[in-house]
Structures are given as C-alpha cells and as structure tokens.
Amino acid sequence: MIDHYRSLFSGQQWFEDALCWTVVQPLDEEITVDDLLWRLNGGRDPEERIMAYPREQACEEELPVLFAYRGEGACGFLEFSHGFATPDHILGELSKDARVWMTTWHFNGGYTILYAADGKIRARMRDFVFVEHALQEGDPSILAEFRAMLDSLDPEDYSGKRAAAFAFIEASTGMGIEAEWLDVEEAPVIVIDNWNGA
C-alpha cells in the first residue's frame, strides 16, 4: 500500500507539497456527508463551487478548498490548496459519533497524523517524517502500527513516510485515494470559510 501512494505522489508532485487528508467513519448511519461538511465549516453550510481547473484555481484562494469523497462506511476530505490542517475544535466536532483520522503537511513542514473519537483527539504524532524527533501525544498504542511502518523505511525516505501516512489511514478505515480522482476538470469543490468561527 505504501508503494501505491509512493507511485501516486510521483505522478502528483503537488501532493508532496501541501495537503490535509481527513477521513471520517460515522458510527451513526444517520450522519450524512452534508452533516460532516457542516461540522467542517464550523457549524455553517460551506460554499460549493465548480472549478474548471481545481488544482490551479484552489491555490489562488486564501481559504481551504476541499475535494469530498464518499467510500463504504467512510468519507474523505482532501484539502489541497495550501495544506490547511483541520483545527482541533473542528476535529472534535467531526469525531462526535464518529472516528476521525487526519494527516497533513505543508511547505514549511507540519507533518502530522492523528486520530480522534468521542469528541476528543486520542493520539497525535507531529513531525513524523523525522522519526527521531517525532512528538507523540495521547495513547501510543493507537499509532503503534504507523510507527512500525515508519521504522521499516529508510530514515531519509521522506516520500515513503508521507505515503505511509496515507497507507496507514487506508488500512485503518478502508478509505483511500485513487489517482484518477485528482486529475479532474470542471469538478465540484467545497470552500471552507468558517474553520475558526466555532
């Protein structure tokens, strides 16, 4: 699975620069994608827009721009404009009656992976690409398999470590990303304008 994402990253160079991938597994079947988007936008309906060239146009926005994906039993939200990390208070809201996995990085670093449930962040690892300097919070058993993935890679295999974050989330949730989802035109996107409003 790491090789799948390593290949995806090599074909989508921008993936290595800045993104935030959040996967939500609702425990209540009544929770819809619209409900999750409402939570993501700090308790307001976000703006939905069609972008002719999403990857290029999203970078012109000063707000988070998301692709939303629906899988079997999970929903994925890819913030691909600047690597805006989903704020902790939003992750808390998303994880009410749900399990949430998130990984993020941006031009200046911020390599983070975390897990939230029952309205709280349960485990987080910061700077995971620099294993010797990684900072881990919460229950270490939650990210133990991810840590093992990192330990199996060369210390300077930063691309592999980013790929491992996606592979770990897919192994945990069944929700992954396929290359054909990313090379799209005239595609629907979600613009988040209230992450800091809750």
C-alpha atoms as a PDB file:
ATOM      1  CA  MET A   1       0.000   0.000   0.000  1.00  0.00           C
ATOM      2  CA  ILE A   2       2.927   2.345   0.675  1.00  0.00           C
ATOM      3  CA  ASP A   3       4.117   1.683  -2.885  1.00  0.00           C
ATOM      4  CA  HIS A   4       0.652   2.617  -4.212  1.00  0.00           C
ATOM      5  CA  TYR A   5       0.880   6.025  -2.561  1.00  0.00           C
ATOM      6  CA  ARG A   6       4.543   6.474  -3.444  1.00  0.00           C
ATOM      7  CA  SER A   7       3.517   5.988  -7.089  1.00  0.00           C
ATOM      8  CA  LEU A   8       0.566   8.374  -6.690  1.00  0.00           C
ATOM      9  CA  PHE A   9       2.857  11.027  -5.186  1.00  0.00           C
ATOM     10  CA  SER A  10       5.354  10.686  -8.040  1.00  0.00           C
ATOM     11  CA  GLY A  11       2.536  11.291 -10.527  1.00  0.00           C
ATOM     12  CA  GLN A  12       1.043  14.131  -8.485  1.00  0.00           C
ATOM     13  CA  GLN A  13       4.063  16.159  -7.380  1.00  0.00           C
ATOM     14  CA  TRP A  14       1.887  18.758  -5.656  1.00  0.00           C
ATOM     15  CA  PHE A  15       0.793  16.024  -3.217  1.00  0.00           C
ATOM     16  CA  GLU A  16       4.202  16.228  -1.559  1.00  0.00           C
ATOM     17  CA  ASP A  17       3.938  19.999  -1.035  1.00  0.00           C
ATOM     18  CA  ALA A  18       0.760  20.749   0.862  1.00  0.00           C
ATOM     19  CA  LEU A  19      -2.417  18.879   1.755  1.00  0.00           C
ATOM     20  CA  CYS A  20      -4.676  17.731   4.556  1.00  0.00           C
ATOM     21  CA  TRP A  21      -6.435  14.348   4.287  1.00  0.00           C
ATOM     22  CA  THR A  22      -9.237  13.774   6.786  1.00  0.00           C
ATOM     23  CA  VAL A  23     -11.231  10.534   6.854  1.00  0.00           C
ATOM     24  CA  VAL A  24     -14.392  10.283   8.954  1.00  0.00           C
ATOM     25  CA  GLN A  25     -16.095   6.991   9.814  1.00  0.00           C
ATOM     26  CA  PRO A  26     -19.559   7.855  11.185  1.00  0.00           C
ATOM     27  CA  LEU A  27     -20.815   5.433  13.834  1.00  0.00           C
ATOM     28  CA  ASP A  28     -24.373   6.644  13.251  1.00  0.00           C
ATOM     29  CA  GLU A  29     -25.825   5.795   9.825  1.00  0.00           C
ATOM     30  CA  GLU A  30     -27.910   8.988  10.000  1.00  0.00           C
ATOM     31  CA  ILE A  31     -24.789  11.172   9.671  1.00  0.00           C
ATOM     32  CA  THR A  32     -24.536  12.353   6.058  1.00  0.00           C
ATOM     33  CA  VAL A  33     -21.740  13.960   4.036  1.00  0.00           C
ATOM     34  CA  ASP A  34     -23.642  17.258   4.311  1.00  0.00           C
ATOM     35  CA  ASP A  35     -23.671  16.897   8.114  1.00  0.00           C
ATOM     36  CA  LEU A  36     -19.912  16.366   8.098  1.00  0.00           C
ATOM     37  CA  LEU A  37     -19.341  19.349   5.792  1.00  0.00           C
ATOM     38  CA  TRP A  38     -21.461  21.473   8.133  1.00  0.00           C
ATOM     39  CA  ARG A  39     -19.222  20.398  11.026  1.00  0.00           C
ATOM     40  CA  LEU A  40     -16.088  21.017   8.937  1.00  0.00           C
ATOM     41  CA  ASN A  41     -17.245  24.567   8.298  1.00  0.00           C
ATOM     42  CA  GLY A  42     -17.700  25.414  11.962  1.00  0.00           C
ATOM     43  CA  GLY A  43     -21.457  24.976  12.052  1.00  0.00           C
ATOM     44  CA  ARG A  44     -22.366  26.639   8.765  1.00  0.00           C
ATOM     45  CA  ASP A  45     -23.058  25.286   5.311  1.00  0.00           C
ATOM     46  CA  PRO A  46     -19.883  25.688   3.232  1.00  0.00           C
ATOM     47  CA  GLU A  47     -19.780  27.138  -0.260  1.00  0.00           C
ATOM     48  CA  GLU A  48     -19.952  24.585  -3.058  1.00  0.00           C
ATOM     49  CA  ARG A  49     -18.373  25.609  -6.325  1.00  0.00           C
ATOM     50  CA  ILE A  50     -17.363  24.145  -9.676  1.00  0.00           C
ATOM     51  CA  MET A  51     -13.740  24.841 -10.577  1.00  0.00           C
ATOM     52  CA  ALA A  52     -12.612  24.419 -14.159  1.00  0.00           C
ATOM     53  CA  TYR A  53      -9.034  23.617 -13.070  1.00  0.00           C
ATOM     54  CA  PRO A  54      -9.268  22.825  -9.359  1.00  0.00           C
ATOM     55  CA  ARG A  55      -5.570  22.298  -8.569  1.00  0.00           C
ATOM     56  CA  GLU A  56      -4.557  25.597 -10.142  1.00  0.00           C
ATOM     57  CA  GLN A  57      -7.548  27.664  -9.026  1.00  0.00           C
ATOM     58  CA  ALA A  58      -7.556  26.396  -5.442  1.00  0.00           C
ATOM     59  CA  CYS A  59      -4.087  27.859  -4.856  1.00  0.00           C
ATOM     60  CA  GLU A  60      -5.491  31.304  -5.635  1.00  0.00           C
ATOM     61  CA  GLU A  61      -7.937  31.012  -2.736  1.00  0.00           C
ATOM     62  CA  GLU A  62      -6.982  32.186   0.732  1.00  0.00           C
ATOM     63  CA  LEU A  63      -9.417  29.695   2.234  1.00  0.00           C
ATOM     64  CA  PRO A  64      -9.298  25.893   2.473  1.00  0.00           C
ATOM     65  CA  VAL A  65     -10.588  24.149  -0.653  1.00  0.00           C
ATOM     66  CA  LEU A  66     -11.663  20.507  -0.402  1.00  0.00           C
ATOM     67  CA  PHE A  67     -12.497  17.574  -2.578  1.00  0.00           C
ATOM     68  CA  ALA A  68     -15.098  15.403  -0.824  1.00  0.00           C
ATOM     69  CA  TYR A  69     -15.140  11.641  -1.409  1.00  0.00           C
ATOM     70  CA  ARG A  70     -17.615   9.036  -0.202  1.00  0.00           C
ATOM     71  CA  GLY A  71     -16.432   5.491   0.465  1.00  0.00           C
ATOM     72  CA  GLU A  72     -18.048   2.455   2.010  1.00  0.00           C
ATOM     73  CA  GLY A  73     -18.652   3.454   5.622  1.00  0.00           C
ATOM     74  CA  ALA A  74     -16.350   6.482   5.466  1.00  0.00           C
ATOM     75  CA  CYS A  75     -15.984   9.927   3.921  1.00  0.00           C
ATOM     76  CA  GLY A  76     -12.712  11.539   2.896  1.00  0.00           C
ATOM     77  CA  PHE A  77     -11.961  15.245   2.646  1.00  0.00           C
ATOM     78  CA  LEU A  78      -8.810  16.362   0.820  1.00  0.00           C
ATOM     79  CA  GLU A  79      -7.725  19.967   1.424  1.00  0.00           C
ATOM     80  CA  PHE A  80      -5.384  20.621  -1.473  1.00  0.00           C
ATOM     81  CA  SER A  81      -4.923  24.376  -1.728  1.00  0.00           C
ATOM     82  CA  HIS A  82      -2.358  25.153   0.987  1.00  0.00           C
ATOM     83  CA  GLY A  83      -2.303  22.222   3.408  1.00  0.00           C
ATOM     84  CA  PHE A  84      -4.626  23.905   5.901  1.00  0.00           C
ATOM     85  CA  ALA A  85      -4.829  21.456   8.811  1.00  0.00           C
ATOM     86  CA  THR A  86      -8.304  20.805  10.169  1.00  0.00           C
ATOM     87  CA  PRO A  87      -8.382  22.701  13.510  1.00  0.00           C
ATOM     88  CA  ASP A  88      -8.601  20.699  16.737  1.00  0.00           C
ATOM     89  CA  HIS A  89     -12.022  22.060  17.688  1.00  0.00           C
ATOM     90  CA  ILE A  90     -13.394  21.002  14.280  1.00  0.00           C
ATOM     91  CA  LEU A  91     -11.813  17.552  14.654  1.00  0.00           C
ATOM     92  CA  GLY A  92     -13.596  17.284  17.999  1.00  0.00           C
ATOM     93  CA  GLU A  93     -16.935  18.070  16.342  1.00  0.00           C
ATOM     94  CA  LEU A  94     -16.259  15.686  13.456  1.00  0.00           C
ATOM     95  CA  SER A  95     -15.454  12.870  15.876  1.00  0.00           C
ATOM     96  CA  LYS A  96     -18.741  13.027  17.788  1.00  0.00           C
ATOM     97  CA  ASP A  97     -20.423   9.705  16.960  1.00  0.00           C
ATOM     98  CA  ALA A  98     -17.532   9.050  14.562  1.00  0.00           C
ATOM     99  CA  ARG A  99     -13.888   8.075  14.243  1.00  0.00           C
ATOM    100  CA  VAL A 100     -11.580  10.534  12.508  1.00  0.00           C
ATOM    101  CA  TRP A 101      -8.113  10.090  11.011  1.00  0.00           C
ATOM    102  CA  MET A 102      -6.130  13.021   9.642  1.00  0.00           C
ATOM    103  CA  THR A 103      -2.720  13.591   8.126  1.00  0.00           C
ATOM    104  CA  THR A 104      -1.366  16.915   6.953  1.00  0.00           C
ATOM    105  CA  TRP A 105       1.749  18.717   5.801  1.00  0.00           C
ATOM    106  CA  HIS A 106       2.596  21.967   4.054  1.00  0.00           C
ATOM    107  CA  PHE A 107       5.511  23.869   2.543  1.00  0.00           C
ATOM    108  CA  ASN A 108       7.021  24.617   5.964  1.00  0.00           C
ATOM    109  CA  GLY A 109       6.613  21.116   7.422  1.00  0.00           C
ATOM    110  CA  GLY A 110       3.853  20.344   9.896  1.00  0.00           C
ATOM    111  CA  TYR A 111       3.958  16.603   9.206  1.00  0.00           C
ATOM    112  CA  THR A 112       1.166  15.395  11.472  1.00  0.00           C
ATOM    113  CA  ILE A 113      -1.046  12.345  11.788  1.00  0.00           C
ATOM    114  CA  LEU A 114      -3.797  11.970  14.353  1.00  0.00           C
ATOM    115  CA  TYR A 115      -6.844  10.037  15.492  1.00  0.00           C
ATOM    116  CA  ALA A 116      -9.949  11.454  17.183  1.00  0.00           C
ATOM    117  CA  ALA A 117     -13.051   9.798  18.636  1.00  0.00           C
ATOM    118  CA  ASP A 118     -15.870  10.693  21.029  1.00  0.00           C
ATOM    119  CA  GLY A 119     -15.252  14.402  20.535  1.00  0.00           C
ATOM    120  CA  LYS A 120     -11.567  14.285  21.521  1.00  0.00           C
ATOM    121  CA  ILE A 121      -8.170  13.831  19.905  1.00  0.00           C
ATOM    122  CA  ARG A 122      -6.923  10.471  21.197  1.00  0.00           C
ATOM    123  CA  ALA A 123      -3.494  10.283  19.548  1.00  0.00           C
ATOM    124  CA  ARG A 124      -1.271  12.613  17.545  1.00  0.00           C
ATOM    125  CA  MET A 125       2.242  12.407  16.119  1.00  0.00           C
ATOM    126  CA  ARG A 126       3.935  15.575  14.918  1.00  0.00           C
ATOM    127  CA  ASP A 127       6.974  15.744  12.612  1.00  0.00           C
ATOM    128  CA  PHE A 128       6.565  12.062  11.754  1.00  0.00           C
ATOM    129  CA  VAL A 129       8.938  12.259   8.781  1.00  0.00           C
ATOM    130  CA  PHE A 130      11.773  12.947  11.244  1.00  0.00           C
ATOM    131  CA  VAL A 131      11.244   9.794  13.309  1.00  0.00           C
ATOM    132  CA  GLU A 132      13.992  10.611  15.808  1.00  0.00           C
ATOM    133  CA  HIS A 133      12.346  13.988  16.534  1.00  0.00           C
ATOM    134  CA  ALA A 134       8.691  12.936  16.245  1.00  0.00           C
ATOM    135  CA  LEU A 135       6.480  14.161  19.074  1.00  0.00           C
ATOM    136  CA  GLN A 136       3.745  11.761  20.115  1.00  0.00           C
ATOM    137  CA  GLU A 137       0.739  12.675  22.276  1.00  0.00           C
ATOM    138  CA  GLY A 138      -2.107  10.580  23.627  1.00  0.00           C
ATOM    139  CA  ASP A 139      -2.404   6.797  23.542  1.00  0.00           C
ATOM    140  CA  PRO A 140       0.752   5.435  21.846  1.00  0.00           C
ATOM    141  CA  SER A 141      -0.935   2.119  21.002  1.00  0.00           C
ATOM    142  CA  ILE A 142      -3.255   3.852  18.504  1.00  0.00           C
ATOM    143  CA  LEU A 143      -0.359   4.833  16.233  1.00  0.00           C
ATOM    144  CA  ALA A 144       1.887   1.844  17.011  1.00  0.00           C
ATOM    145  CA  GLU A 145       1.376   0.241  13.585  1.00  0.00           C
ATOM    146  CA  PHE A 146       2.114   3.553  11.884  1.00  0.00           C
ATOM    147  CA  ARG A 147       5.303   3.879  13.911  1.00  0.00           C
ATOM    148  CA  ALA A 148       6.272   0.353  12.780  1.00  0.00           C
ATOM    149  CA  MET A 149       5.680   1.405   9.155  1.00  0.00           C
ATOM    150  CA  LEU A 150       7.978   4.398   9.639  1.00  0.00           C
ATOM    151  CA  ASP A 151      10.657   2.247  11.293  1.00  0.00           C
ATOM    152  CA  SER A 152      10.642  -0.100   8.284  1.00  0.00           C
ATOM    153  CA  LEU A 153      11.627   2.764   5.953  1.00  0.00           C
ATOM    154  CA  ASP A 154      14.987   4.392   5.357  1.00  0.00           C
ATOM    155  CA  PRO A 155      15.378   7.403   7.712  1.00  0.00           C
ATOM    156  CA  GLU A 156      15.685   9.760   4.724  1.00  0.00           C
ATOM    157  CA  ASP A 157      12.786   8.262   2.740  1.00  0.00           C
ATOM    158  CA  TYR A 158      10.530  11.271   3.343  1.00  0.00           C
ATOM    159  CA  SER A 159       8.302  10.456   0.386  1.00  0.00           C
ATOM    160  CA  GLY A 160       7.837   6.939   1.728  1.00  0.00           C
ATOM    161  CA  LYS A 161       6.901   8.302   5.157  1.00  0.00           C
ATOM    162  CA  ARG A 162       4.256  10.586   3.658  1.00  0.00           C
ATOM    163  CA  ALA A 163       2.990   7.610   1.635  1.00  0.00           C
ATOM    164  CA  ALA A 164       2.925   5.556   4.851  1.00  0.00           C
ATOM    165  CA  ALA A 165       0.557   8.084   6.462  1.00  0.00           C
ATOM    166  CA  PHE A 166      -1.972   7.565   3.653  1.00  0.00           C
ATOM    167  CA  ALA A 167      -1.424   3.799   3.681  1.00  0.00           C
ATOM    168  CA  PHE A 168      -1.983   3.636   7.441  1.00  0.00           C
ATOM    169  CA  ILE A 169      -5.208   5.637   7.218  1.00  0.00           C
ATOM    170  CA  GLU A 170      -6.464   3.460   4.371  1.00  0.00           C
ATOM    171  CA  ALA A 171      -5.614   0.290   6.318  1.00  0.00           C
ATOM    172  CA  SER A 172      -7.465   1.702   9.352  1.00  0.00           C
ATOM    173  CA  THR A 173     -10.567   2.953   7.536  1.00  0.00           C
ATOM    174  CA  GLY A 174     -10.794   1.282   4.123  1.00  0.00           C
ATOM    175  CA  MET A 175     -10.827   4.777   2.578  1.00  0.00           C
ATOM    176  CA  GLY A 176      -8.049   5.658   0.156  1.00  0.00           C
ATOM    177  CA  ILE A 177      -7.352   7.966  -2.772  1.00  0.00           C
ATOM    178  CA  GLU A 178      -7.043   6.954  -6.401  1.00  0.00           C
ATOM    179  CA  ALA A 179      -5.021   8.900  -8.958  1.00  0.00           C
ATOM    180  CA  GLU A 180      -7.956   9.364 -11.333  1.00  0.00           C
ATOM    181  CA  TRP A 181      -9.826  11.310  -8.642  1.00  0.00           C
ATOM    182  CA  LEU A 182      -7.205  14.050  -8.790  1.00  0.00           C
ATOM    183  CA  ASP A 183      -6.804  14.856 -12.492  1.00  0.00           C
ATOM    184  CA  VAL A 184     -10.226  16.416 -12.896  1.00  0.00           C
ATOM    185  CA  GLU A 185     -11.622  19.487 -14.602  1.00  0.00           C
ATOM    186  CA  GLU A 186     -14.975  21.196 -14.098  1.00  0.00           C
ATOM    187  CA  ALA A 187     -15.089  19.492 -10.704  1.00  0.00           C
ATOM    188  CA  PRO A 188     -17.137  20.257  -7.590  1.00  0.00           C
ATOM    189  CA  VAL A 189     -15.147  21.600  -4.661  1.00  0.00           C
ATOM    190  CA  ILE A 190     -16.051  22.769  -1.178  1.00  0.00           C
ATOM    191  CA  VAL A 191     -14.736  26.130   0.064  1.00  0.00           C
ATOM    192  CA  ILE A 192     -14.478  26.321   3.857  1.00  0.00           C
ATOM    193  CA  ASP A 193     -14.894  29.814   5.284  1.00  0.00           C
ATOM    194  CA  ASN A 194     -15.625  29.230   8.975  1.00  0.00           C
ATOM    195  CA  TRP A 195     -12.974  26.897  10.427  1.00  0.00           C
ATOM    196  CA  ASN A 196     -12.102  29.480  13.046  1.00  0.00           C
ATOM    197  CA  GLY A 197     -15.685  30.554  13.719  1.00  0.00           C
ATOM    198  CA  ALA A 198     -16.663  27.868  16.244  1.00  0.00           C
END
